[in-house]
Structures are given as structure tokens and as C-alpha cells.
Amino acid sequence: MRAVSSLRTSLHRDLQRGGFYPELVSRVLEVAIGGQEVVSYLVHPETSFDSREIYRHLTALVLTPTRLVGVHVDDDPERPSRALATTEAVALSRIKSVVLSHGVSDPARSDASVVDELTIAVNWGAVSRVDLEPASCPDPNCEADHGYTGAVTGEDLVIRVSAPADGQVRLDQALAFARALSAGVARSSEQ
């Protein structure tokens, strides 16, 4: 594990490379980290387009010995000269699940352990998605209203990093962060 000052320096360097208000992100992260040690981090800038506009978003995640700290930064759609930076700190003991989906282009190859993309989904119960659909009946002639059926899915944080889109270095960082996060959550559940 790298020294604390080295990790903080790397984090600030990667925020500069992300290029989306790096000084703002550094300041709000430092407040949210609260002086704790940085165990691991992941900086993930995203840009999306539609026919009229460009949307920028940056997510920076920091793992401390006891918490997962995240910051999300967006341009304010109401006021273009303004940004919105939101932080959240979650105790590792509150995290219910860490789901890691590894994408591999050619799994039949002998070196199938080469991951092309990684999706990290973390659930601590703050945000849920509800998917509903009309309930059905096996009788094709039935016209009764059977209500709805559905599923509730925890979806507090989802980040997808792929080598083709984000580069191998960023994917390697995401894999290292996922390992550290999984280990931290496992340790906190044992206590």
C-alpha cells in the first residue's frame, strides 16, 4: 500500500487530469474525508452528448479505513456559470452489497482473466429503483385487473469503467479500487 501522502498526491493529480473543476472537487473531498487516511480512490469523469448540449459529470470516490466518501460534480443546468458538488460519506459497516460485473471480450481464450470493463454497484439503502409492470394471468381470455408486480433494486452508486472508452490505466485503477472496497466492507462486517 502506498504512503498516505503519496495517495493524496496521486488523487489530486488524477483530479487535475479529470479536468472538471479539480480545485473545487479537492476542497469538497477534503472536507468530507475529515482528515482520515486515504486507502484507495477512483476518479471517473463522464461526458455525454445530445443533439444540443454537452453534459459533464465527475464522480470521485475515496475509501478511508471506515468510510466510502463520494463526490459528484455537475454543471448546473439552470445557471451555466455554476457547478453543483455533492458529497456523501457512508460507513463501510452500512454497505449492504458491492456488486462487481467484469466484462471480458473473448472468455473462451486461455487468458480470459483479461477484463475489458468493470461495473461497480454499491448499495447502502439510500436510493432504490422500483420497476413495475402489469401483473398477468395465465388465462388468455381473462380481463380482470391483476394489479402490478415489480422489483425494488438498491442503486446507490453505479460506475462503469471500460478500457476502450476510459483507457487501461483507469480500468486498472477501478479494479484496484474495487478490490480495496470489497476488502474494506468485508473487514467492517467482521467487526
C-alpha atoms as a PDB file:
ATOM      1  CA  MET A   1       0.000   0.000   0.000  1.00  0.00           C
ATOM      2  CA  ARG A   2       1.341   3.433  -0.918  1.00  0.00           C
ATOM      3  CA  ALA A   3       2.074   6.012   1.721  1.00  0.00           C
ATOM      4  CA  VAL A   4      -0.777   8.325   2.741  1.00  0.00           C
ATOM      5  CA  SER A   5       0.826  11.460   1.308  1.00  0.00           C
ATOM      6  CA  SER A   6       1.603   9.634  -1.943  1.00  0.00           C
ATOM      7  CA  LEU A   7      -2.028   8.523  -2.324  1.00  0.00           C
ATOM      8  CA  ARG A   8      -3.331  12.037  -1.638  1.00  0.00           C
ATOM      9  CA  THR A   9      -0.859  13.432  -4.178  1.00  0.00           C
ATOM     10  CA  SER A  10      -1.989  10.845  -6.757  1.00  0.00           C
ATOM     11  CA  LEU A  11      -5.644  11.643  -6.024  1.00  0.00           C
ATOM     12  CA  HIS A  12      -5.092  15.369  -6.580  1.00  0.00           C
ATOM     13  CA  ARG A  13      -3.085  14.659  -9.749  1.00  0.00           C
ATOM     14  CA  ASP A  14      -5.916  12.486 -11.115  1.00  0.00           C
ATOM     15  CA  LEU A  15      -8.475  15.181 -10.253  1.00  0.00           C
ATOM     16  CA  GLN A  16      -6.374  17.625 -12.295  1.00  0.00           C
ATOM     17  CA  ARG A  17      -6.308  15.134 -15.198  1.00  0.00           C
ATOM     18  CA  GLY A  18     -10.093  14.740 -14.912  1.00  0.00           C
ATOM     19  CA  GLY A  19     -10.206  18.429 -15.771  1.00  0.00           C
ATOM     20  CA  PHE A  20     -13.625  19.149 -14.299  1.00  0.00           C
ATOM     21  CA  TYR A  21     -13.208  21.794 -11.582  1.00  0.00           C
ATOM     22  CA  PRO A  22     -10.318  19.966  -9.880  1.00  0.00           C
ATOM     23  CA  GLU A  23      -9.784  22.597  -7.171  1.00  0.00           C
ATOM     24  CA  LEU A  24     -13.477  22.512  -6.229  1.00  0.00           C
ATOM     25  CA  VAL A  25     -13.506  18.708  -6.113  1.00  0.00           C
ATOM     26  CA  SER A  26     -10.326  18.647  -3.995  1.00  0.00           C
ATOM     27  CA  ARG A  27     -11.775  21.117  -1.490  1.00  0.00           C
ATOM     28  CA  VAL A  28     -15.115  19.361  -1.040  1.00  0.00           C
ATOM     29  CA  LEU A  29     -13.410  15.956  -0.830  1.00  0.00           C
ATOM     30  CA  GLU A  30     -11.014  17.151   1.868  1.00  0.00           C
ATOM     31  CA  VAL A  31     -13.949  18.404   3.931  1.00  0.00           C
ATOM     32  CA  ALA A  32     -15.837  15.110   3.510  1.00  0.00           C
ATOM     33  CA  ILE A  33     -12.762  12.931   4.196  1.00  0.00           C
ATOM     34  CA  GLY A  34     -12.388  14.701   7.519  1.00  0.00           C
ATOM     35  CA  GLY A  35      -8.682  14.052   7.920  1.00  0.00           C
ATOM     36  CA  GLN A  36      -8.940  10.273   7.569  1.00  0.00           C
ATOM     37  CA  GLU A  37      -6.348   8.224   5.716  1.00  0.00           C
ATOM     38  CA  VAL A  38      -6.964   7.632   2.001  1.00  0.00           C
ATOM     39  CA  VAL A  39      -6.815   3.860   1.440  1.00  0.00           C
ATOM     40  CA  SER A  40      -7.840   3.894  -2.232  1.00  0.00           C
ATOM     41  CA  TYR A  41      -9.637   6.151  -4.691  1.00  0.00           C
ATOM     42  CA  LEU A  42     -11.243   6.283  -8.110  1.00  0.00           C
ATOM     43  CA  VAL A  43     -11.779   9.374 -10.269  1.00  0.00           C
ATOM     44  CA  HIS A  44     -14.277   8.909 -13.089  1.00  0.00           C
ATOM     45  CA  PRO A  45     -15.100  11.810 -15.449  1.00  0.00           C
ATOM     46  CA  GLU A  46     -18.032  11.298 -17.805  1.00  0.00           C
ATOM     47  CA  THR A  47     -19.147  13.367 -20.757  1.00  0.00           C
ATOM     48  CA  SER A  48     -22.387  12.749 -22.603  1.00  0.00           C
ATOM     49  CA  PHE A  49     -23.960  14.494 -25.563  1.00  0.00           C
ATOM     50  CA  ASP A  50     -27.362  15.053 -27.017  1.00  0.00           C
ATOM     51  CA  SER A  51     -28.333  16.971 -30.150  1.00  0.00           C
ATOM     52  CA  ARG A  52     -27.933  20.372 -28.461  1.00  0.00           C
ATOM     53  CA  GLU A  53     -25.707  20.135 -25.419  1.00  0.00           C
ATOM     54  CA  ILE A  54     -22.709  18.554 -23.752  1.00  0.00           C
ATOM     55  CA  TYR A  55     -23.165  17.273 -20.198  1.00  0.00           C
ATOM     56  CA  ARG A  56     -20.168  16.892 -17.924  1.00  0.00           C
ATOM     57  CA  HIS A  57     -20.121  14.857 -14.718  1.00  0.00           C
ATOM     58  CA  LEU A  58     -17.349  13.725 -12.436  1.00  0.00           C
ATOM     59  CA  THR A  59     -17.501  11.127  -9.705  1.00  0.00           C
ATOM     60  CA  ALA A  60     -14.605  10.795  -7.277  1.00  0.00           C
ATOM     61  CA  LEU A  61     -14.690   8.002  -4.715  1.00  0.00           C
ATOM     62  CA  VAL A  62     -12.352   7.791  -1.753  1.00  0.00           C
ATOM     63  CA  LEU A  63     -12.063   4.799   0.527  1.00  0.00           C
ATOM     64  CA  THR A  64     -10.917   5.505   4.084  1.00  0.00           C
ATOM     65  CA  PRO A  65     -10.436   2.862   6.781  1.00  0.00           C
ATOM     66  CA  THR A  66     -14.039   3.347   7.936  1.00  0.00           C
ATOM     67  CA  ARG A  67     -15.978   5.079   5.147  1.00  0.00           C
ATOM     68  CA  LEU A  68     -16.702   5.358   1.457  1.00  0.00           C
ATOM     69  CA  VAL A  69     -16.657   9.048   0.534  1.00  0.00           C
ATOM     70  CA  GLY A  70     -18.013  10.171  -2.802  1.00  0.00           C
ATOM     71  CA  VAL A  71     -18.339  13.460  -4.601  1.00  0.00           C
ATOM     72  CA  HIS A  72     -20.466  14.074  -7.672  1.00  0.00           C
ATOM     73  CA  VAL A  73     -19.915  17.262  -9.663  1.00  0.00           C
ATOM     74  CA  ASP A  74     -22.156  18.541 -12.442  1.00  0.00           C
ATOM     75  CA  ASP A  75     -22.676  21.758 -14.337  1.00  0.00           C
ATOM     76  CA  ASP A  76     -25.792  23.496 -13.016  1.00  0.00           C
ATOM     77  CA  PRO A  77     -28.372  23.205 -15.845  1.00  0.00           C
ATOM     78  CA  GLU A  78     -30.174  26.320 -14.591  1.00  0.00           C
ATOM     79  CA  ARG A  79     -27.078  28.507 -14.399  1.00  0.00           C
ATOM     80  CA  PRO A  80     -24.270  27.601 -16.830  1.00  0.00           C
ATOM     81  CA  SER A  81     -21.638  29.563 -14.915  1.00  0.00           C
ATOM     82  CA  ARG A  82     -22.235  27.459 -11.799  1.00  0.00           C
ATOM     83  CA  ALA A  83     -21.395  23.899 -10.690  1.00  0.00           C
ATOM     84  CA  LEU A  84     -23.029  21.598  -8.171  1.00  0.00           C
ATOM     85  CA  ALA A  85     -20.788  19.457  -5.963  1.00  0.00           C
ATOM     86  CA  THR A  86     -22.422  16.926  -3.664  1.00  0.00           C
ATOM     87  CA  THR A  87     -20.571  14.719  -1.204  1.00  0.00           C
ATOM     88  CA  GLU A  88     -21.733  11.694   0.698  1.00  0.00           C
ATOM     89  CA  ALA A  89     -19.873   9.652   3.283  1.00  0.00           C
ATOM     90  CA  VAL A  90     -21.119   6.172   4.121  1.00  0.00           C
ATOM     91  CA  ALA A  91     -19.796   3.983   6.920  1.00  0.00           C
ATOM     92  CA  LEU A  92     -18.411   0.765   5.454  1.00  0.00           C
ATOM     93  CA  SER A  93     -20.458  -1.141   8.022  1.00  0.00           C
ATOM     94  CA  ARG A  94     -23.653   0.280   6.426  1.00  0.00           C
ATOM     95  CA  ILE A  95     -22.840  -1.001   2.934  1.00  0.00           C
ATOM     96  CA  LYS A  96     -25.177  -3.903   2.152  1.00  0.00           C
ATOM     97  CA  SER A  97     -23.591  -5.082  -1.070  1.00  0.00           C
ATOM     98  CA  VAL A  98     -20.797  -4.482  -3.540  1.00  0.00           C
ATOM     99  CA  VAL A  99     -21.602  -5.937  -6.948  1.00  0.00           C
ATOM    100  CA  LEU A 100     -18.748  -6.191  -9.441  1.00  0.00           C
ATOM    101  CA  SER A 101     -19.587  -7.066 -13.044  1.00  0.00           C
ATOM    102  CA  HIS A 102     -16.492  -7.970 -15.054  1.00  0.00           C
ATOM    103  CA  GLY A 103     -16.728  -7.732 -18.831  1.00  0.00           C
ATOM    104  CA  VAL A 104     -14.413  -9.974 -20.863  1.00  0.00           C
ATOM    105  CA  SER A 105     -14.373  -9.775 -24.675  1.00  0.00           C
ATOM    106  CA  ASP A 106     -13.364 -13.330 -25.517  1.00  0.00           C
ATOM    107  CA  PRO A 107     -13.969 -15.555 -22.479  1.00  0.00           C
ATOM    108  CA  ALA A 108     -13.016 -18.767 -24.318  1.00  0.00           C
ATOM    109  CA  ARG A 109      -9.405 -17.637 -24.683  1.00  0.00           C
ATOM    110  CA  SER A 110      -6.843 -19.087 -22.325  1.00  0.00           C
ATOM    111  CA  ASP A 111      -6.148 -15.576 -20.952  1.00  0.00           C
ATOM    112  CA  ALA A 112      -9.827 -14.934 -20.209  1.00  0.00           C
ATOM    113  CA  SER A 113      -8.839 -13.229 -16.984  1.00  0.00           C
ATOM    114  CA  VAL A 114      -8.211 -10.047 -19.007  1.00  0.00           C
ATOM    115  CA  VAL A 115     -11.062  -7.723 -18.046  1.00  0.00           C
ATOM    116  CA  ASP A 116     -12.198  -5.133 -20.629  1.00  0.00           C
ATOM    117  CA  GLU A 117     -14.722  -3.369 -18.424  1.00  0.00           C
ATOM    118  CA  LEU A 118     -15.887  -3.244 -14.841  1.00  0.00           C
ATOM    119  CA  THR A 119     -19.157  -2.067 -13.356  1.00  0.00           C
ATOM    120  CA  ILE A 120     -19.105  -1.309  -9.638  1.00  0.00           C
ATOM    121  CA  ALA A 121     -22.518  -1.150  -7.954  1.00  0.00           C
ATOM    122  CA  VAL A 122     -22.659  -0.273  -4.259  1.00  0.00           C
ATOM    123  CA  ASN A 123     -25.835  -0.420  -2.186  1.00  0.00           C
ATOM    124  CA  TRP A 124     -26.297   1.002   1.301  1.00  0.00           C
ATOM    125  CA  GLY A 125     -30.053   1.508   1.182  1.00  0.00           C
ATOM    126  CA  ALA A 126     -30.332   5.230   0.484  1.00  0.00           C
ATOM    127  CA  VAL A 127     -31.664   5.010  -3.094  1.00  0.00           C
ATOM    128  CA  SER A 128     -33.833   2.317  -4.651  1.00  0.00           C
ATOM    129  CA  ARG A 129     -35.265   1.891  -8.114  1.00  0.00           C
ATOM    130  CA  VAL A 130     -38.753   0.428  -8.472  1.00  0.00           C
ATOM    131  CA  ASP A 131     -39.607  -1.391 -11.717  1.00  0.00           C
ATOM    132  CA  LEU A 132     -43.318  -2.118 -12.086  1.00  0.00           C
ATOM    133  CA  GLU A 133     -45.285  -3.904 -14.773  1.00  0.00           C
ATOM    134  CA  PRO A 134     -48.889  -5.047 -15.025  1.00  0.00           C
ATOM    135  CA  ALA A 135     -49.395  -8.441 -13.398  1.00  0.00           C
ATOM    136  CA  SER A 136     -50.571 -11.077 -15.820  1.00  0.00           C
ATOM    137  CA  CYS A 137     -52.797 -14.102 -15.642  1.00  0.00           C
ATOM    138  CA  PRO A 138     -52.281 -17.430 -17.454  1.00  0.00           C
ATOM    139  CA  ASP A 139     -55.853 -17.272 -18.796  1.00  0.00           C
ATOM    140  CA  PRO A 140     -55.683 -15.556 -22.238  1.00  0.00           C
ATOM    141  CA  ASN A 141     -59.367 -14.591 -22.005  1.00  0.00           C
ATOM    142  CA  CYS A 142     -59.129 -13.005 -18.550  1.00  0.00           C
ATOM    143  CA  GLU A 143     -59.949  -9.302 -18.481  1.00  0.00           C
ATOM    144  CA  ALA A 144     -59.534  -8.772 -14.727  1.00  0.00           C
ATOM    145  CA  ASP A 145     -57.161  -6.209 -13.333  1.00  0.00           C
ATOM    146  CA  HIS A 146     -54.476  -8.202 -11.507  1.00  0.00           C
ATOM    147  CA  GLY A 147     -52.628  -5.145 -10.238  1.00  0.00           C
ATOM    148  CA  TYR A 148     -48.916  -4.735 -10.656  1.00  0.00           C
ATOM    149  CA  THR A 149     -45.821  -6.757  -9.959  1.00  0.00           C
ATOM    150  CA  GLY A 150     -42.299  -5.479  -9.744  1.00  0.00           C
ATOM    151  CA  ALA A 151     -38.932  -5.367  -8.140  1.00  0.00           C
ATOM    152  CA  VAL A 152     -37.095  -2.941  -5.903  1.00  0.00           C
ATOM    153  CA  THR A 153     -33.391  -2.654  -6.658  1.00  0.00           C
ATOM    154  CA  GLY A 154     -30.886  -0.855  -4.473  1.00  0.00           C
ATOM    155  CA  GLU A 155     -28.942   1.556  -6.621  1.00  0.00           C
ATOM    156  CA  ASP A 156     -26.958   3.999  -4.531  1.00  0.00           C
ATOM    157  CA  LEU A 157     -23.873   4.098  -6.727  1.00  0.00           C
ATOM    158  CA  VAL A 158     -23.096   2.586 -10.118  1.00  0.00           C
ATOM    159  CA  ILE A 159     -19.913   3.285 -12.073  1.00  0.00           C
ATOM    160  CA  ARG A 160     -18.853   1.616 -15.306  1.00  0.00           C
ATOM    161  CA  VAL A 161     -15.265   1.837 -16.498  1.00  0.00           C
ATOM    162  CA  SER A 162     -14.116   0.285 -19.766  1.00  0.00           C
ATOM    163  CA  ALA A 163     -10.688   0.044 -21.333  1.00  0.00           C
ATOM    164  CA  PRO A 164     -11.862   1.126 -24.826  1.00  0.00           C
ATOM    165  CA  ALA A 165     -13.681   4.220 -23.520  1.00  0.00           C
ATOM    166  CA  ASP A 166     -11.657   5.206 -20.454  1.00  0.00           C
ATOM    167  CA  GLY A 167      -8.253   3.632 -21.045  1.00  0.00           C
ATOM    168  CA  GLN A 168      -6.486   0.662 -19.477  1.00  0.00           C
ATOM    169  CA  VAL A 169      -4.915   2.769 -16.717  1.00  0.00           C
ATOM    170  CA  ARG A 170      -8.321   3.951 -15.496  1.00  0.00           C
ATOM    171  CA  LEU A 171      -9.694   0.393 -15.695  1.00  0.00           C
ATOM    172  CA  ASP A 172      -6.733  -0.863 -13.651  1.00  0.00           C
ATOM    173  CA  GLN A 173      -7.470   1.855 -11.070  1.00  0.00           C
ATOM    174  CA  ALA A 174     -11.127   0.791 -10.959  1.00  0.00           C
ATOM    175  CA  LEU A 175     -10.118  -2.846 -10.400  1.00  0.00           C
ATOM    176  CA  ALA A 176      -7.728  -1.840  -7.590  1.00  0.00           C
ATOM    177  CA  PHE A 177     -10.426   0.349  -6.016  1.00  0.00           C
ATOM    178  CA  ALA A 178     -12.981  -2.492  -6.260  1.00  0.00           C
ATOM    179  CA  ARG A 179     -10.557  -4.871  -4.500  1.00  0.00           C
ATOM    180  CA  ALA A 180      -9.904  -2.365  -1.708  1.00  0.00           C
ATOM    181  CA  LEU A 181     -13.613  -1.549  -1.313  1.00  0.00           C
ATOM    182  CA  SER A 182     -14.587  -5.222  -1.172  1.00  0.00           C
ATOM    183  CA  ALA A 183     -11.868  -5.918   1.412  1.00  0.00           C
ATOM    184  CA  GLY A 184     -12.899  -2.902   3.499  1.00  0.00           C
ATOM    185  CA  VAL A 185     -16.561  -3.878   3.523  1.00  0.00           C
ATOM    186  CA  ALA A 186     -15.636  -7.474   4.434  1.00  0.00           C
ATOM    187  CA  ARG A 187     -13.459  -6.279   7.342  1.00  0.00           C
ATOM    188  CA  SER A 188     -16.181  -3.948   8.632  1.00  0.00           C
ATOM    189  CA  SER A 189     -18.782  -6.749   8.591  1.00  0.00           C
ATOM    190  CA  GLU A 190     -16.482  -8.986  10.668  1.00  0.00           C
ATOM    191  CA  GLN A 191     -16.226  -6.436  13.472  1.00  0.00           C
END
